[in-house]
C-alpha atoms as a PDB file:
ATOM      1  CA  MET A   1       3.102  64.541  34.304  1.00  0.00           C
ATOM      2  CA  LYS A   2       4.550  61.079  33.747  1.00  0.00           C
ATOM      3  CA  ASP A   3       5.144  59.890  30.221  1.00  0.00           C
ATOM      4  CA  PRO A   4       2.269  57.488  29.380  1.00  0.00           C
ATOM      5  CA  ILE A   5       4.662  55.144  27.601  1.00  0.00           C
ATOM      6  CA  ALA A   6       6.448  54.530  30.924  1.00  0.00           C
ATOM      7  CA  LYS A   7       3.295  52.779  32.135  1.00  0.00           C
ATOM      8  CA  THR A   8       3.379  50.180  29.357  1.00  0.00           C
ATOM      9  CA  ILE A   9       4.668  46.671  29.922  1.00  0.00           C
ATOM     10  CA  GLY A  10       6.792  46.930  26.765  1.00  0.00           C
ATOM     11  CA  TYR A  11       8.596  49.938  28.174  1.00  0.00           C
ATOM     12  CA  ARG A  12       9.113  48.209  31.536  1.00  0.00           C
ATOM     13  CA  LEU A  13      10.481  45.059  29.879  1.00  0.00           C
ATOM     14  CA  ASN A  14      12.820  47.053  27.668  1.00  0.00           C
ATOM     15  CA  HIS A  15      14.060  49.277  30.474  1.00  0.00           C
ATOM     16  CA  THR A  16      14.532  46.332  32.855  1.00  0.00           C
ATOM     17  CA  ALA A  17      16.455  44.385  30.207  1.00  0.00           C
ATOM     18  CA  ARG A  18      18.738  47.366  29.604  1.00  0.00           C
ATOM     19  CA  LEU A  19      19.441  47.743  33.310  1.00  0.00           C
ATOM     20  CA  GLN A  20      20.093  44.006  33.635  1.00  0.00           C
ATOM     21  CA  ARG A  21      22.539  44.154  30.731  1.00  0.00           C
ATOM     22  CA  ALA A  22      24.324  47.161  32.252  1.00  0.00           C
ATOM     23  CA  LEU A  23      24.721  45.391  35.597  1.00  0.00           C
ATOM     24  CA  SER A  24      25.814  42.242  33.784  1.00  0.00           C
ATOM     25  CA  ALA A  25      28.470  44.257  31.937  1.00  0.00           C
ATOM     26  CA  ARG A  26      29.721  45.713  35.206  1.00  0.00           C
ATOM     27  CA  LEU A  27      30.005  42.290  36.860  1.00  0.00           C
ATOM     28  CA  LEU A  28      31.544  40.609  33.799  1.00  0.00           C
ATOM     29  CA  ALA A  29      34.186  43.329  33.596  1.00  0.00           C
ATOM     30  CA  ASP A  30      35.780  41.669  36.641  1.00  0.00           C
ATOM     31  CA  LEU A  31      36.519  38.723  34.318  1.00  0.00           C
ATOM     32  CA  SER A  32      37.479  41.029  31.413  1.00  0.00           C
ATOM     33  CA  LEU A  33      34.393  39.849  29.509  1.00  0.00           C
ATOM     34  CA  PHE A  34      31.534  41.611  27.751  1.00  0.00           C
ATOM     35  CA  PRO A  35      27.879  40.479  27.868  1.00  0.00           C
ATOM     36  CA  GLY A  36      27.386  37.591  25.487  1.00  0.00           C
ATOM     37  CA  GLN A  37      30.954  36.356  25.710  1.00  0.00           C
ATOM     38  CA  GLU A  38      30.232  34.529  28.957  1.00  0.00           C
ATOM     39  CA  SER A  39      27.507  32.493  27.259  1.00  0.00           C
ATOM     40  CA  VAL A  40      29.985  31.255  24.655  1.00  0.00           C
ATOM     41  CA  LEU A  41      32.456  30.246  27.337  1.00  0.00           C
ATOM     42  CA  LYS A  42      29.749  28.416  29.299  1.00  0.00           C
ATOM     43  CA  LEU A  43      28.614  26.539  26.173  1.00  0.00           C
ATOM     44  CA  LEU A  44      32.182  25.460  25.532  1.00  0.00           C
ATOM     45  CA  VAL A  45      32.698  24.442  29.165  1.00  0.00           C
ATOM     46  CA  GLU A  46      29.657  22.157  28.734  1.00  0.00           C
ATOM     47  CA  HIS A  47      30.801  20.796  25.374  1.00  0.00           C
ATOM     48  CA  ASP A  48      34.154  21.877  23.984  1.00  0.00           C
ATOM     49  CA  GLY A  49      34.839  21.727  20.250  1.00  0.00           C
ATOM     50  CA  ARG A  50      31.544  23.060  18.961  1.00  0.00           C
ATOM     51  CA  THR A  51      31.174  24.224  15.383  1.00  0.00           C
ATOM     52  CA  MET A  52      30.392  27.855  14.600  1.00  0.00           C
ATOM     53  CA  GLY A  53      26.921  26.859  13.406  1.00  0.00           C
ATOM     54  CA  ASP A  54      26.251  24.969  16.623  1.00  0.00           C
ATOM     55  CA  LEU A  55      27.366  27.955  18.696  1.00  0.00           C
ATOM     56  CA  ALA A  56      25.207  30.371  16.696  1.00  0.00           C
ATOM     57  CA  ALA A  57      22.162  28.112  17.099  1.00  0.00           C
ATOM     58  CA  ALA A  58      22.745  27.596  20.833  1.00  0.00           C
ATOM     59  CA  LEU A  59      23.187  31.351  21.352  1.00  0.00           C
ATOM     60  CA  ARG A  60      20.154  32.122  19.140  1.00  0.00           C
ATOM     61  CA  VAL A  61      22.177  34.556  17.020  1.00  0.00           C
ATOM     62  CA  ARG A  62      23.103  34.739  13.366  1.00  0.00           C
ATOM     63  CA  PRO A  63      26.384  33.057  12.347  1.00  0.00           C
ATOM     64  CA  PRO A  64      28.191  36.386  11.650  1.00  0.00           C
ATOM     65  CA  THR A  65      27.419  37.506  15.215  1.00  0.00           C
ATOM     66  CA  ALA A  66      28.809  34.268  16.651  1.00  0.00           C
ATOM     67  CA  SER A  67      31.854  34.567  14.409  1.00  0.00           C
ATOM     68  CA  LYS A  68      32.558  38.106  15.616  1.00  0.00           C
ATOM     69  CA  THR A  69      32.287  37.004  19.248  1.00  0.00           C
ATOM     70  CA  ILE A  70      34.630  34.057  18.638  1.00  0.00           C
ATOM     71  CA  ALA A  71      37.117  36.376  16.915  1.00  0.00           C
ATOM     72  CA  ARG A  72      37.152  38.643  19.980  1.00  0.00           C
ATOM     73  CA  LEU A  73      37.539  35.714  22.373  1.00  0.00           C
ATOM     74  CA  THR A  74      40.365  34.366  20.190  1.00  0.00           C
ATOM     75  CA  THR A  75      42.137  37.727  20.395  1.00  0.00           C
ATOM     76  CA  GLN A  76      41.831  37.548  24.194  1.00  0.00           C
ATOM     77  CA  GLY A  77      43.400  34.075  24.153  1.00  0.00           C
ATOM     78  CA  LEU A  78      40.283  32.417  25.588  1.00  0.00           C
ATOM     79  CA  VAL A  79      39.358  30.191  22.633  1.00  0.00           C
ATOM     80  CA  GLU A  80      41.019  28.795  19.559  1.00  0.00           C
ATOM     81  CA  ARG A  81      39.655  27.647  16.236  1.00  0.00           C
ATOM     82  CA  ARG A  82      40.821  24.342  14.792  1.00  0.00           C
ATOM     83  CA  ALA A  83      40.062  22.820  11.415  1.00  0.00           C
ATOM     84  CA  THR A  84      38.545  19.357  11.620  1.00  0.00           C
ATOM     85  CA  ASP A  85      40.776  16.491  10.534  1.00  0.00           C
ATOM     86  CA  GLY A  86      39.892  15.494   7.005  1.00  0.00           C
ATOM     87  CA  ASP A  87      37.750  18.577   6.297  1.00  0.00           C
ATOM     88  CA  GLY A  88      39.543  21.909   6.524  1.00  0.00           C
ATOM     89  CA  ARG A  89      36.262  23.731   5.891  1.00  0.00           C
ATOM     90  CA  LEU A  90      34.712  22.581   9.169  1.00  0.00           C
ATOM     91  CA  VAL A  91      36.100  24.615  12.051  1.00  0.00           C
ATOM     92  CA  ARG A  92      35.556  23.790  15.693  1.00  0.00           C
ATOM     93  CA  VAL A  93      36.041  26.137  18.639  1.00  0.00           C
ATOM     94  CA  PHE A  94      37.926  25.013  21.732  1.00  0.00           C
ATOM     95  CA  LEU A  95      38.629  26.678  25.057  1.00  0.00           C
ATOM     96  CA  THR A  96      42.170  27.517  26.060  1.00  0.00           C
ATOM     97  CA  ALA A  97      43.171  26.897  29.683  1.00  0.00           C
ATOM     98  CA  SER A  98      42.492  30.562  30.434  1.00  0.00           C
ATOM     99  CA  GLY A  99      39.120  30.368  28.693  1.00  0.00           C
ATOM    100  CA  ARG A 100      38.117  27.314  30.708  1.00  0.00           C
ATOM    101  CA  GLU A 101      39.096  29.079  33.932  1.00  0.00           C
ATOM    102  CA  ARG A 102      37.006  32.146  33.086  1.00  0.00           C
ATOM    103  CA  GLY A 103      34.137  30.028  31.834  1.00  0.00           C
ATOM    104  CA  GLN A 104      33.999  28.253  35.165  1.00  0.00           C
ATOM    105  CA  ALA A 105      34.048  31.611  36.997  1.00  0.00           C
ATOM    106  CA  VAL A 106      30.952  32.772  35.097  1.00  0.00           C
ATOM    107  CA  ASP A 107      28.626  30.854  37.434  1.00  0.00           C
ATOM    108  CA  GLY A 108      29.606  33.158  40.295  1.00  0.00           C
ATOM    109  CA  ILE A 109      28.838  36.206  38.176  1.00  0.00           C
ATOM    110  CA  TRP A 110      25.475  34.772  37.101  1.00  0.00           C
ATOM    111  CA  ASP A 111      24.606  33.940  40.713  1.00  0.00           C
ATOM    112  CA  ALA A 112      25.461  37.482  41.823  1.00  0.00           C
ATOM    113  CA  LEU A 113      23.445  38.966  38.959  1.00  0.00           C
ATOM    114  CA  GLU A 114      20.429  36.784  39.769  1.00  0.00           C
ATOM    115  CA  ALA A 115      20.642  37.769  43.438  1.00  0.00           C
ATOM    116  CA  GLU A 116      20.595  41.452  42.484  1.00  0.00           C
ATOM    117  CA  ILE A 117      17.736  41.041  40.014  1.00  0.00           C
ATOM    118  CA  VAL A 118      15.351  39.246  42.349  1.00  0.00           C
ATOM    119  CA  GLY A 119      16.724  40.317  45.711  1.00  0.00           C
ATOM    120  CA  ASN A 120      13.543  42.204  46.609  1.00  0.00           C
ATOM    121  CA  LEU A 121      11.193  39.368  45.603  1.00  0.00           C
ATOM    122  CA  ASP A 122      10.062  36.482  47.779  1.00  0.00           C
ATOM    123  CA  HIS A 123       9.929  32.888  46.494  1.00  0.00           C
ATOM    124  CA  LYS A 124       6.325  33.128  45.266  1.00  0.00           C
ATOM    125  CA  GLU A 125       6.974  36.416  43.464  1.00  0.00           C
ATOM    126  CA  ARG A 126      10.059  34.959  41.764  1.00  0.00           C
ATOM    127  CA  LYS A 127       8.149  31.911  40.633  1.00  0.00           C
ATOM    128  CA  ARG A 128       5.243  34.023  39.359  1.00  0.00           C
ATOM    129  CA  LEU A 129       7.591  36.375  37.490  1.00  0.00           C
ATOM    130  CA  ARG A 130       9.356  33.446  35.767  1.00  0.00           C
ATOM    131  CA  LYS A 131       6.001  31.997  34.785  1.00  0.00           C
ATOM    132  CA  LEU A 132       4.715  35.300  33.385  1.00  0.00           C
ATOM    133  CA  LEU A 133       7.927  36.015  31.486  1.00  0.00           C
ATOM    134  CA  ARG A 134       7.847  32.539  29.904  1.00  0.00           C
ATOM    135  CA  LYS A 135       4.259  33.173  28.846  1.00  0.00           C
ATOM    136  CA  VAL A 136       5.176  36.506  27.236  1.00  0.00           C
ATOM    137  CA  GLU A 137       8.257  34.953  25.630  1.00  0.00           C
ATOM    138  CA  LYS A 138       6.240  32.113  24.100  1.00  0.00           C
ATOM    139  CA  SER A 139       3.659  34.532  22.747  1.00  0.00           C
ATOM    140  CA  LEU A 140       6.274  36.783  21.139  1.00  0.00           C
ATOM    141  CA  ALA A 141       8.236  33.835  19.748  1.00  0.00           C
ATOM    142  CA  ALA A 142       5.083  32.374  18.203  1.00  0.00           C
ATOM    143  CA  LYS A 143       4.309  35.716  16.530  1.00  0.00           C
ATOM    144  CA  LEU A 144       7.804  35.704  15.061  1.00  0.00           C
ATOM    145  CA  GLY A 145       7.610  32.052  14.061  1.00  0.00           C
ATOM    146  CA  ALA A 146      10.530  31.325  16.353  1.00  0.00           C
ATOM    147  CA  ASP A 147       8.897  29.257  19.057  1.00  0.00           C
ATOM    148  CA  GLN A 148      11.586  26.592  18.979  1.00  0.00           C
ATOM    149  CA  GLY A 149      14.041  27.074  21.785  1.00  0.00           C
ATOM    150  CA  VAL A 150      11.565  28.745  24.124  1.00  0.00           C
ATOM    151  CA  ASP A 151      12.061  27.280  27.558  1.00  0.00           C
ATOM    152  CA  ASP A 152       9.063  25.207  28.627  1.00  0.00           C
ATOM    153  CA  GLU A 153      10.436  24.592  32.079  1.00  0.00           C
ATOM    154  CA  ILE A 154       7.882  22.995  34.372  1.00  0.00           C
ATOM    155  CA  GLU A 155       7.639  24.528  37.818  1.00  0.00           C
ATOM    156  CA  PRO A 156       7.340  22.231  40.842  1.00  0.00           C
ATOM    157  CA  ALA A 157       3.705  21.513  41.738  1.00  0.00           C
ATOM    158  CA  GLU A 158       4.138  22.552  45.386  1.00  0.00           C
ATOM    159  CA  ASP A 159       3.012  26.187  44.901  1.00  0.00           C
ATOM    160  CA  ASP A 160       0.376  25.834  42.186  1.00  0.00           C
ATOM    161  CA  ASP A 161      -2.143  27.637  44.371  1.00  0.00           C
ATOM    162  CA  GLU A 162      -0.565  30.981  43.472  1.00  0.00           C
ATOM    163  CA  ALA A 163      -1.402  30.816  39.757  1.00  0.00           C
END
């Protein structure tokens, strides 16, 4: 007999997220990165010289978590911390040449991951899944009082008949 918990949406979301993270880790290993590190590199590719607080907020993590990730990326020679002129307490994070190169390669990894995740879904199913996941995300964020930062992306009106 199947475990009743396996039929719950919570279980399915959790299990799917774990599998996605495992596949992400496998693909990112080609760039010698771990899940989460690629997001930092992409943020810095978009806007180099961010503060630790800015990075933590953009990543939606606590500052110690961001700091630990930056320390690991620094050890790998992908980023460097620099004190701001005039205020040694304010530290900004910058990409090294190697970090910029890897950060730019992340798009290919993300594209491959996305293709694997939704490869068995047609356009309408993909759109519906995004819509449903955003709805669940907004509901959970509101319960936690963390509804800022939830993506309110508007879908194109062309396929509204599926809703």
